[in-house]
Amino acid sequence: MAITAAMVKELRESTGAGMMDAKKALTETDGDMDAATDWLRTKGLAKAAKKSGRTAAEGLVAVAVNGGKGVAVEVNSETDFVAKNAEFQSMVGGIATTALGVADTDALAEADMGGKPVATVITDAIAKIGENMALRRMAAIEGDTVVSYVHNAATDGMGKIGVLVALNGGDAAFGKQVAMHIAATNPASLDEASLDPAIVEKEKQVQIDIARESGKPENIIENMIKGRMKKFMAEITLVNQAFVINPDLTVGEAAKEAGATITGFIRMEVGEGIEKKEENFAEEVVKMQG
């Protein structure tokens, strides 16, 4: 029997399964919708799909480095309890290693990991562990030297905050110090040139409004704004920040002393930008009952 797009759509809507899983189920059952639903259930795919609406804002960031390339990946779970699960950690570590060979998150989801696409590995884990999970993002960086650091590591190479630093010159020890600094300060960009112009313009307008409230003459206001914008840049751009290891130097000055040029960085923190849904505990218990 020919499997149509309408049939796949109907099965997806009734079970919440992914498109490829729905198509395979219908193919395996010769288009029998009920049998296809049962097929998905026996594979744990319908069960996994029903959990896909839950907010997954916990999880882990894992980093992996091979030569001059480093990657960071975020895999989310619903609870921190699952993030501490050895099986989940092993899966996330494998995903990070797999990410070294791909260009972006979409390619990573389709990449082979132990004979299955990464997306399928995650779906299988959802069905087994019983909690929604998601491959949220990956980022890659390259340089002469790439150094990784994980803040408060849950296990080797993964935790709540992962950092990668790319350097020309210098050494890994200095790179790790910079990575620790980035974990602590969360700079918005490497330097002024790489800062989003919209951020600069917004801050400048805020400072103009504040300065004009003072009632001072325009020439004095202009100097006030220059000084405040310089301070702003020193706070949010990596090379201009006071180095946490030696606050007498900026990060850029420390790099120069170390014979290094910082060419880029990645800082990834679990759950950044995800709106966590707060539920009343009593309501949650009622929901679980039925």
C-alpha atoms as a PDB file:
ATOM      1  CA  MET A   1       0.000   0.000   0.000  1.00  0.00           C
ATOM      2  CA  ALA A   2       1.311   3.474  -0.879  1.00  0.00           C
ATOM      3  CA  ILE A   3       2.028   5.600   2.166  1.00  0.00           C
ATOM      4  CA  THR A   4       0.777   9.149   1.620  1.00  0.00           C
ATOM      5  CA  ALA A   5       1.806  12.381   3.313  1.00  0.00           C
ATOM      6  CA  ALA A   6      -1.741  12.684   4.706  1.00  0.00           C
ATOM      7  CA  MET A   7      -1.401   9.304   6.415  1.00  0.00           C
ATOM      8  CA  VAL A   8       1.923  10.262   7.943  1.00  0.00           C
ATOM      9  CA  LYS A   9       0.434  13.553   9.131  1.00  0.00           C
ATOM     10  CA  GLU A  10      -2.545  11.788  10.731  1.00  0.00           C
ATOM     11  CA  LEU A  11      -0.333   9.303  12.580  1.00  0.00           C
ATOM     12  CA  ARG A  12       2.006  12.055  13.759  1.00  0.00           C
ATOM     13  CA  GLU A  13      -0.891  14.078  15.144  1.00  0.00           C
ATOM     14  CA  SER A  14      -2.437  11.111  16.944  1.00  0.00           C
ATOM     15  CA  THR A  15       0.797   9.812  18.489  1.00  0.00           C
ATOM     16  CA  GLY A  16       3.137  12.801  18.512  1.00  0.00           C
ATOM     17  CA  ALA A  17       5.814  10.674  16.845  1.00  0.00           C
ATOM     18  CA  GLY A  18       8.418  12.157  14.516  1.00  0.00           C
ATOM     19  CA  MET A  19       7.829  12.256  10.765  1.00  0.00           C
ATOM     20  CA  MET A  20      10.370   9.568   9.879  1.00  0.00           C
ATOM     21  CA  ASP A  21       9.193   7.312  12.704  1.00  0.00           C
ATOM     22  CA  ALA A  22       5.558   7.692  11.606  1.00  0.00           C
ATOM     23  CA  LYS A  23       6.440   6.914   8.012  1.00  0.00           C
ATOM     24  CA  LYS A  24       8.424   3.829   9.026  1.00  0.00           C
ATOM     25  CA  ALA A  25       5.592   2.598  11.250  1.00  0.00           C
ATOM     26  CA  LEU A  26       3.113   2.859   8.384  1.00  0.00           C
ATOM     27  CA  THR A  27       5.518   1.139   6.014  1.00  0.00           C
ATOM     28  CA  GLU A  28       6.097  -1.703   8.469  1.00  0.00           C
ATOM     29  CA  THR A  29       2.339  -2.199   8.954  1.00  0.00           C
ATOM     30  CA  ASP A  30       1.260  -1.726   5.323  1.00  0.00           C
ATOM     31  CA  GLY A  31      -0.611   1.472   6.113  1.00  0.00           C
ATOM     32  CA  ASP A  32      -2.745   0.104   8.949  1.00  0.00           C
ATOM     33  CA  MET A  33      -3.166   3.126  11.242  1.00  0.00           C
ATOM     34  CA  ASP A  34      -4.014   1.153  14.395  1.00  0.00           C
ATOM     35  CA  ALA A  35      -1.202  -1.319  13.832  1.00  0.00           C
ATOM     36  CA  ALA A  36       1.194   1.557  13.138  1.00  0.00           C
ATOM     37  CA  THR A  37       0.196   3.181  16.435  1.00  0.00           C
ATOM     38  CA  ASP A  38       0.884  -0.090  18.257  1.00  0.00           C
ATOM     39  CA  TRP A  39       4.195  -0.431  16.405  1.00  0.00           C
ATOM     40  CA  LEU A  40       5.251   3.007  17.649  1.00  0.00           C
ATOM     41  CA  ARG A  41       4.203   2.129  21.186  1.00  0.00           C
ATOM     42  CA  THR A  42       6.195  -1.116  21.186  1.00  0.00           C
ATOM     43  CA  LYS A  43       9.265   0.794  20.029  1.00  0.00           C
ATOM     44  CA  GLY A  44       8.732   3.371  22.761  1.00  0.00           C
ATOM     45  CA  LEU A  45       8.434   6.136  20.172  1.00  0.00           C
ATOM     46  CA  ALA A  46       4.881   7.182  20.937  1.00  0.00           C
ATOM     47  CA  LYS A  47       5.716   7.279  24.627  1.00  0.00           C
ATOM     48  CA  ALA A  48       8.725   9.459  23.931  1.00  0.00           C
ATOM     49  CA  ALA A  49       6.739  11.788  21.713  1.00  0.00           C
ATOM     50  CA  LYS A  50       4.079  12.401  24.374  1.00  0.00           C
ATOM     51  CA  LYS A  51       6.811  13.814  26.590  1.00  0.00           C
ATOM     52  CA  SER A  52       8.037  16.246  23.947  1.00  0.00           C
ATOM     53  CA  GLY A  53       5.742  19.017  25.180  1.00  0.00           C
ATOM     54  CA  ARG A  54       7.412  19.179  28.569  1.00  0.00           C
ATOM     55  CA  THR A  55       9.928  21.914  29.179  1.00  0.00           C
ATOM     56  CA  ALA A  56      13.481  20.562  29.139  1.00  0.00           C
ATOM     57  CA  ALA A  57      15.578  23.302  30.719  1.00  0.00           C
ATOM     58  CA  GLU A  58      18.038  21.264  32.770  1.00  0.00           C
ATOM     59  CA  GLY A  59      20.715  18.970  31.371  1.00  0.00           C
ATOM     60  CA  LEU A  60      24.384  19.295  30.519  1.00  0.00           C
ATOM     61  CA  VAL A  61      26.828  21.177  28.354  1.00  0.00           C
ATOM     62  CA  ALA A  62      29.653  18.974  27.088  1.00  0.00           C
ATOM     63  CA  VAL A  63      32.888  20.087  25.435  1.00  0.00           C
ATOM     64  CA  ALA A  64      35.265  18.120  23.224  1.00  0.00           C
ATOM     65  CA  VAL A  65      38.545  19.134  21.594  1.00  0.00           C
ATOM     66  CA  ASN A  66      40.524  17.462  18.834  1.00  0.00           C
ATOM     67  CA  GLY A  67      43.635  19.274  17.676  1.00  0.00           C
ATOM     68  CA  GLY A  68      42.716  22.785  16.625  1.00  0.00           C
ATOM     69  CA  LYS A  69      38.942  22.267  16.773  1.00  0.00           C
ATOM     70  CA  GLY A  70      36.653  22.391  19.762  1.00  0.00           C
ATOM     71  CA  VAL A  71      32.903  21.905  20.108  1.00  0.00           C
ATOM     72  CA  ALA A  72      30.346  22.573  22.818  1.00  0.00           C
ATOM     73  CA  VAL A  73      26.921  20.924  22.837  1.00  0.00           C
ATOM     74  CA  GLU A  74      23.891  21.390  25.053  1.00  0.00           C
ATOM     75  CA  VAL A  75      21.568  18.457  25.677  1.00  0.00           C
ATOM     76  CA  ASN A  76      18.574  19.269  27.851  1.00  0.00           C
ATOM     77  CA  SER A  77      16.519  17.194  30.252  1.00  0.00           C
ATOM     78  CA  GLU A  78      13.526  18.069  32.396  1.00  0.00           C
ATOM     79  CA  THR A  79      15.265  17.606  35.739  1.00  0.00           C
ATOM     80  CA  ASP A  80      18.707  17.931  37.215  1.00  0.00           C
ATOM     81  CA  PHE A  81      18.249  14.406  38.565  1.00  0.00           C
ATOM     82  CA  VAL A  82      18.483  12.986  35.036  1.00  0.00           C
ATOM     83  CA  ALA A  83      21.501  15.198  34.324  1.00  0.00           C
ATOM     84  CA  LYS A  84      23.274  13.277  37.100  1.00  0.00           C
ATOM     85  CA  ASN A  85      22.353   9.928  35.550  1.00  0.00           C
ATOM     86  CA  ALA A  86      25.459   8.060  34.312  1.00  0.00           C
ATOM     87  CA  GLU A  87      23.622   6.792  31.210  1.00  0.00           C
ATOM     88  CA  PHE A  88      22.524  10.304  30.265  1.00  0.00           C
ATOM     89  CA  GLN A  89      26.070  11.595  30.814  1.00  0.00           C
ATOM     90  CA  SER A  90      27.519   8.861  28.633  1.00  0.00           C
ATOM     91  CA  MET A  91      25.086   9.757  25.857  1.00  0.00           C
ATOM     92  CA  VAL A  92      25.915  13.467  26.075  1.00  0.00           C
ATOM     93  CA  GLY A  93      29.647  12.716  25.963  1.00  0.00           C
ATOM     94  CA  GLY A  94      29.136  10.606  22.856  1.00  0.00           C
ATOM     95  CA  ILE A  95      27.133  13.378  21.213  1.00  0.00           C
ATOM     96  CA  ALA A  96      29.925  15.886  21.904  1.00  0.00           C
ATOM     97  CA  THR A  97      32.516  13.587  20.334  1.00  0.00           C
ATOM     98  CA  THR A  98      30.252  13.080  17.325  1.00  0.00           C
ATOM     99  CA  ALA A  99      29.881  16.867  17.006  1.00  0.00           C
ATOM    100  CA  LEU A 100      33.599  17.183  16.185  1.00  0.00           C
ATOM    101  CA  GLY A 101      32.812  15.789  12.746  1.00  0.00           C
ATOM    102  CA  VAL A 102      29.857  17.989  11.778  1.00  0.00           C
ATOM    103  CA  ALA A 103      29.166  21.638  11.045  1.00  0.00           C
ATOM    104  CA  ASP A 104      25.950  22.467  12.885  1.00  0.00           C
ATOM    105  CA  THR A 105      23.122  21.225  15.107  1.00  0.00           C
ATOM    106  CA  ASP A 106      20.964  19.926  12.241  1.00  0.00           C
ATOM    107  CA  ALA A 107      23.860  17.870  10.888  1.00  0.00           C
ATOM    108  CA  LEU A 108      24.602  16.600  14.380  1.00  0.00           C
ATOM    109  CA  ALA A 109      21.015  15.369  14.841  1.00  0.00           C
ATOM    110  CA  GLU A 110      21.417  13.266  11.694  1.00  0.00           C
ATOM    111  CA  ALA A 111      25.006  12.129  12.357  1.00  0.00           C
ATOM    112  CA  ASP A 112      25.721   8.471  13.068  1.00  0.00           C
ATOM    113  CA  MET A 113      26.376   7.547  16.690  1.00  0.00           C
ATOM    114  CA  GLY A 114      26.827   3.845  17.314  1.00  0.00           C
ATOM    115  CA  GLY A 115      24.828   2.880  14.244  1.00  0.00           C
ATOM    116  CA  LYS A 116      21.913   5.280  14.840  1.00  0.00           C
ATOM    117  CA  PRO A 117      21.302   8.987  14.147  1.00  0.00           C
ATOM    118  CA  VAL A 118      21.886  11.141  17.211  1.00  0.00           C
ATOM    119  CA  ALA A 119      18.198  12.165  17.140  1.00  0.00           C
ATOM    120  CA  THR A 120      17.178   8.507  17.410  1.00  0.00           C
ATOM    121  CA  VAL A 121      19.640   7.881  20.247  1.00  0.00           C
ATOM    122  CA  ILE A 122      17.964  10.705  22.172  1.00  0.00           C
ATOM    123  CA  THR A 123      14.464   9.420  21.364  1.00  0.00           C
ATOM    124  CA  ASP A 124      15.453   5.977  22.645  1.00  0.00           C
ATOM    125  CA  ALA A 125      16.790   7.553  25.850  1.00  0.00           C
ATOM    126  CA  ILE A 126      13.514   9.442  26.354  1.00  0.00           C
ATOM    127  CA  ALA A 127      11.569   6.203  26.105  1.00  0.00           C
ATOM    128  CA  LYS A 128      13.925   4.388  28.480  1.00  0.00           C
ATOM    129  CA  ILE A 129      14.471   7.078  31.112  1.00  0.00           C
ATOM    130  CA  GLY A 130      10.944   8.490  30.894  1.00  0.00           C
ATOM    131  CA  GLU A 131      11.747  12.179  30.653  1.00  0.00           C
ATOM    132  CA  ASN A 132      11.817  14.659  27.787  1.00  0.00           C
ATOM    133  CA  MET A 133      15.264  15.446  26.379  1.00  0.00           C
ATOM    134  CA  ALA A 134      16.458  17.616  23.529  1.00  0.00           C
ATOM    135  CA  LEU A 135      19.598  18.357  21.564  1.00  0.00           C
ATOM    136  CA  ARG A 136      19.343  22.109  21.823  1.00  0.00           C
ATOM    137  CA  ARG A 137      22.475  23.486  20.155  1.00  0.00           C
ATOM    138  CA  MET A 138      26.127  23.101  19.296  1.00  0.00           C
ATOM    139  CA  ALA A 139      28.900  25.565  18.572  1.00  0.00           C
ATOM    140  CA  ALA A 140      32.373  25.014  17.147  1.00  0.00           C
ATOM    141  CA  ILE A 141      35.603  26.983  17.202  1.00  0.00           C
ATOM    142  CA  GLU A 142      39.028  26.564  15.613  1.00  0.00           C
ATOM    143  CA  GLY A 143      42.485  27.957  16.310  1.00  0.00           C
ATOM    144  CA  ASP A 144      46.159  27.095  16.625  1.00  0.00           C
ATOM    145  CA  THR A 145      45.345  26.022  20.174  1.00  0.00           C
ATOM    146  CA  VAL A 146      41.863  25.319  21.551  1.00  0.00           C
ATOM    147  CA  VAL A 147      41.441  24.935  25.313  1.00  0.00           C
ATOM    148  CA  SER A 148      38.312  23.757  27.123  1.00  0.00           C
ATOM    149  CA  TYR A 149      37.044  24.289  30.647  1.00  0.00           C
ATOM    150  CA  VAL A 150      33.908  23.101  32.421  1.00  0.00           C
ATOM    151  CA  HIS A 151      32.734  24.942  35.519  1.00  0.00           C
ATOM    152  CA  ASN A 152      31.519  22.671  38.345  1.00  0.00           C
ATOM    153  CA  ALA A 153      31.894  19.586  36.180  1.00  0.00           C
ATOM    154  CA  ALA A 154      29.323  16.835  36.748  1.00  0.00           C
ATOM    155  CA  THR A 155      31.820  14.424  35.205  1.00  0.00           C
ATOM    156  CA  ASP A 156      34.780  14.722  32.866  1.00  0.00           C
ATOM    157  CA  GLY A 157      34.105  17.220  30.082  1.00  0.00           C
ATOM    158  CA  MET A 158      30.568  18.234  31.005  1.00  0.00           C
ATOM    159  CA  GLY A 159      28.653  20.350  33.481  1.00  0.00           C
ATOM    160  CA  LYS A 160      26.445  23.437  33.676  1.00  0.00           C
ATOM    161  CA  ILE A 161      28.871  25.843  31.963  1.00  0.00           C
ATOM    162  CA  GLY A 162      31.295  24.891  29.201  1.00  0.00           C
ATOM    163  CA  VAL A 163      33.920  27.212  27.733  1.00  0.00           C
ATOM    164  CA  LEU A 164      36.224  26.961  24.717  1.00  0.00           C
ATOM    165  CA  VAL A 165      39.024  29.425  23.970  1.00  0.00           C
ATOM    166  CA  ALA A 166      40.971  29.649  20.698  1.00  0.00           C
ATOM    167  CA  LEU A 167      44.504  31.028  20.860  1.00  0.00           C
ATOM    168  CA  ASN A 168      47.394  31.804  18.576  1.00  0.00           C
ATOM    169  CA  GLY A 169      50.579  31.463  20.612  1.00  0.00           C
ATOM    170  CA  GLY A 170      50.674  31.138  24.371  1.00  0.00           C
ATOM    171  CA  ASP A 171      50.038  27.774  25.997  1.00  0.00           C
ATOM    172  CA  ALA A 172      47.216  25.608  27.328  1.00  0.00           C
ATOM    173  CA  ALA A 173      47.784  26.758  30.920  1.00  0.00           C
ATOM    174  CA  PHE A 174      47.131  30.387  30.004  1.00  0.00           C
ATOM    175  CA  GLY A 175      44.209  29.338  27.822  1.00  0.00           C
ATOM    176  CA  LYS A 176      42.603  27.567  30.764  1.00  0.00           C
ATOM    177  CA  GLN A 177      42.980  30.694  32.913  1.00  0.00           C
ATOM    178  CA  VAL A 178      41.195  32.704  30.225  1.00  0.00           C
ATOM    179  CA  ALA A 179      38.488  30.043  29.971  1.00  0.00           C
ATOM    180  CA  MET A 180      37.935  30.201  33.741  1.00  0.00           C
ATOM    181  CA  HIS A 181      37.713  33.994  33.482  1.00  0.00           C
ATOM    182  CA  ILE A 182      35.072  33.690  30.732  1.00  0.00           C
ATOM    183  CA  ALA A 183      33.044  31.231  32.792  1.00  0.00           C
ATOM    184  CA  ALA A 184      32.991  33.728  35.657  1.00  0.00           C
ATOM    185  CA  THR A 185      32.388  36.993  33.778  1.00  0.00           C
ATOM    186  CA  ASN A 186      30.338  35.946  30.725  1.00  0.00           C
ATOM    187  CA  PRO A 187      31.631  38.611  28.300  1.00  0.00           C
ATOM    188  CA  ALA A 188      29.333  39.640  25.465  1.00  0.00           C
ATOM    189  CA  SER A 189      32.072  39.546  22.825  1.00  0.00           C
ATOM    190  CA  LEU A 190      35.801  39.198  22.259  1.00  0.00           C
ATOM    191  CA  ASP A 191      36.385  42.900  21.585  1.00  0.00           C
ATOM    192  CA  GLU A 192      34.614  46.086  20.488  1.00  0.00           C
ATOM    193  CA  ALA A 193      34.832  45.176  16.798  1.00  0.00           C
ATOM    194  CA  SER A 194      32.929  41.916  17.325  1.00  0.00           C
ATOM    195  CA  LEU A 195      30.262  43.410  19.599  1.00  0.00           C
ATOM    196  CA  ASP A 196      26.735  43.610  18.212  1.00  0.00           C
ATOM    197  CA  PRO A 197      26.211  47.255  17.112  1.00  0.00           C
ATOM    198  CA  ALA A 198      22.634  47.120  18.434  1.00  0.00           C
ATOM    199  CA  ILE A 199      23.973  46.517  21.973  1.00  0.00           C
ATOM    200  CA  VAL A 200      26.309  49.490  21.655  1.00  0.00           C
ATOM    201  CA  GLU A 201      23.607  51.776  20.302  1.00  0.00           C
ATOM    202  CA  LYS A 202      21.124  50.785  22.990  1.00  0.00           C
ATOM    203  CA  GLU A 203      23.600  51.429  25.791  1.00  0.00           C
ATOM    204  CA  LYS A 204      24.670  54.737  24.237  1.00  0.00           C
ATOM    205  CA  GLN A 205      21.064  55.926  24.101  1.00  0.00           C
ATOM    206  CA  VAL A 206      20.534  54.938  27.736  1.00  0.00           C
ATOM    207  CA  GLN A 207      23.628  56.899  28.752  1.00  0.00           C
ATOM    208  CA  ILE A 208      22.524  59.924  26.701  1.00  0.00           C
ATOM    209  CA  ASP A 209      19.148  59.917  28.464  1.00  0.00           C
ATOM    210  CA  ILE A 210      20.786  59.590  31.891  1.00  0.00           C
ATOM    211  CA  ALA A 211      23.279  62.367  31.158  1.00  0.00           C
ATOM    212  CA  ARG A 212      20.596  64.759  29.911  1.00  0.00           C
ATOM    213  CA  GLU A 213      18.606  64.206  33.097  1.00  0.00           C
ATOM    214  CA  SER A 214      21.542  65.793  34.909  1.00  0.00           C
ATOM    215  CA  GLY A 215      20.838  69.124  33.194  1.00  0.00           C
ATOM    216  CA  LYS A 216      24.524  69.656  32.317  1.00  0.00           C
ATOM    217  CA  PRO A 217      25.633  71.447  29.119  1.00  0.00           C
ATOM    218  CA  GLU A 218      25.884  69.414  25.905  1.00  0.00           C
ATOM    219  CA  ASN A 219      29.709  69.567  25.739  1.00  0.00           C
ATOM    220  CA  ILE A 220      29.983  68.102  29.253  1.00  0.00           C
ATOM    221  CA  ILE A 221      27.304  65.498  28.441  1.00  0.00           C
ATOM    222  CA  GLU A 222      29.343  64.412  25.415  1.00  0.00           C
ATOM    223  CA  ASN A 223      32.411  63.785  27.569  1.00  0.00           C
ATOM    224  CA  MET A 224      30.304  61.984  30.183  1.00  0.00           C
ATOM    225  CA  ILE A 225      28.969  59.635  27.522  1.00  0.00           C
ATOM    226  CA  LYS A 226      32.453  58.890  26.158  1.00  0.00           C
ATOM    227  CA  GLY A 227      33.687  57.989  29.621  1.00  0.00           C
ATOM    228  CA  ARG A 228      30.679  55.826  30.429  1.00  0.00           C
ATOM    229  CA  MET A 229      30.834  53.985  27.101  1.00  0.00           C
ATOM    230  CA  LYS A 230      34.514  53.264  27.674  1.00  0.00           C
ATOM    231  CA  LYS A 231      33.640  51.795  31.066  1.00  0.00           C
ATOM    232  CA  PHE A 232      30.817  49.790  29.466  1.00  0.00           C
ATOM    233  CA  MET A 233      33.210  48.300  26.914  1.00  0.00           C
ATOM    234  CA  ALA A 234      35.640  47.389  29.683  1.00  0.00           C
ATOM    235  CA  GLU A 235      32.877  45.483  31.436  1.00  0.00           C
ATOM    236  CA  ILE A 236      31.475  43.433  28.557  1.00  0.00           C
ATOM    237  CA  THR A 237      34.312  42.837  26.030  1.00  0.00           C
ATOM    238  CA  LEU A 238      36.728  40.060  26.958  1.00  0.00           C
ATOM    239  CA  VAL A 239      40.053  41.675  26.042  1.00  0.00           C
ATOM    240  CA  ASN A 240      39.138  44.871  27.935  1.00  0.00           C
ATOM    241  CA  GLN A 241      37.948  43.185  31.134  1.00  0.00           C
ATOM    242  CA  ALA A 242      40.128  43.145  34.249  1.00  0.00           C
ATOM    243  CA  PHE A 243      41.690  39.677  34.318  1.00  0.00           C
ATOM    244  CA  VAL A 244      40.309  37.720  37.286  1.00  0.00           C
ATOM    245  CA  ILE A 245      43.677  36.015  37.780  1.00  0.00           C
ATOM    246  CA  ASN A 246      45.453  39.406  37.975  1.00  0.00           C
ATOM    247  CA  PRO A 247      43.044  42.378  38.102  1.00  0.00           C
ATOM    248  CA  ASP A 248      45.939  44.802  37.535  1.00  0.00           C
ATOM    249  CA  LEU A 249      45.938  43.678  33.908  1.00  0.00           C
ATOM    250  CA  THR A 250      43.217  43.472  31.302  1.00  0.00           C
ATOM    251  CA  VAL A 251      42.746  40.102  29.627  1.00  0.00           C
ATOM    252  CA  GLY A 252      44.273  41.564  26.478  1.00  0.00           C
ATOM    253  CA  GLU A 253      47.344  42.770  28.377  1.00  0.00           C
ATOM    254  CA  ALA A 254      47.710  39.398  30.102  1.00  0.00           C
ATOM    255  CA  ALA A 255      47.533  37.670  26.733  1.00  0.00           C
ATOM    256  CA  LYS A 256      50.272  39.907  25.364  1.00  0.00           C
ATOM    257  CA  GLU A 257      52.497  39.068  28.336  1.00  0.00           C
ATOM    258  CA  ALA A 258      51.836  35.374  27.722  1.00  0.00           C
ATOM    259  CA  GLY A 259      52.746  35.730  24.038  1.00  0.00           C
ATOM    260  CA  ALA A 260      49.217  34.841  22.992  1.00  0.00           C
ATOM    261  CA  THR A 261      46.444  36.286  20.864  1.00  0.00           C
ATOM    262  CA  ILE A 262      42.907  35.278  21.791  1.00  0.00           C
ATOM    263  CA  THR A 263      41.069  34.728  18.514  1.00  0.00           C
ATOM    264  CA  GLY A 264      37.687  33.607  19.805  1.00  0.00           C
ATOM    265  CA  PHE A 265      35.691  31.919  22.533  1.00  0.00           C
ATOM    266  CA  ILE A 266      32.468  30.051  23.216  1.00  0.00           C
ATOM    267  CA  ARG A 267      30.639  30.109  26.521  1.00  0.00           C
ATOM    268  CA  MET A 268      27.605  27.848  26.773  1.00  0.00           C
ATOM    269  CA  GLU A 269      25.420  27.547  29.859  1.00  0.00           C
ATOM    270  CA  VAL A 270      22.612  25.058  30.393  1.00  0.00           C
ATOM    271  CA  GLY A 271      19.147  26.534  29.973  1.00  0.00           C
ATOM    272  CA  GLU A 272      20.166  29.997  28.747  1.00  0.00           C
ATOM    273  CA  GLY A 273      17.078  31.684  27.318  1.00  0.00           C
ATOM    274  CA  ILE A 274      14.677  28.851  28.127  1.00  0.00           C
ATOM    275  CA  GLU A 275      11.599  29.947  30.012  1.00  0.00           C
ATOM    276  CA  LYS A 276      11.081  27.455  32.795  1.00  0.00           C
ATOM    277  CA  LYS A 277       7.469  26.662  33.616  1.00  0.00           C
ATOM    278  CA  GLU A 278       6.797  26.829  37.337  1.00  0.00           C
ATOM    279  CA  GLU A 279       4.104  24.414  38.479  1.00  0.00           C
ATOM    280  CA  ASN A 280       2.195  24.247  41.729  1.00  0.00           C
ATOM    281  CA  PHE A 281       3.293  21.057  43.507  1.00  0.00           C
ATOM    282  CA  ALA A 282      -0.245  20.106  44.539  1.00  0.00           C
ATOM    283  CA  GLU A 283      -1.479  20.572  40.972  1.00  0.00           C
ATOM    284  CA  GLU A 284       1.396  18.445  39.719  1.00  0.00           C
ATOM    285  CA  VAL A 285       0.428  15.610  42.071  1.00  0.00           C
ATOM    286  CA  VAL A 286      -3.192  15.783  40.882  1.00  0.00           C
ATOM    287  CA  LYS A 287      -1.987  15.713  37.286  1.00  0.00           C
ATOM    288  CA  MET A 288       0.115  12.628  37.960  1.00  0.00           C
ATOM    289  CA  GLN A 289      -2.888  10.889  39.516  1.00  0.00           C
ATOM    290  CA  GLY A 290      -4.821  11.208  36.467  1.00  0.00           C
END
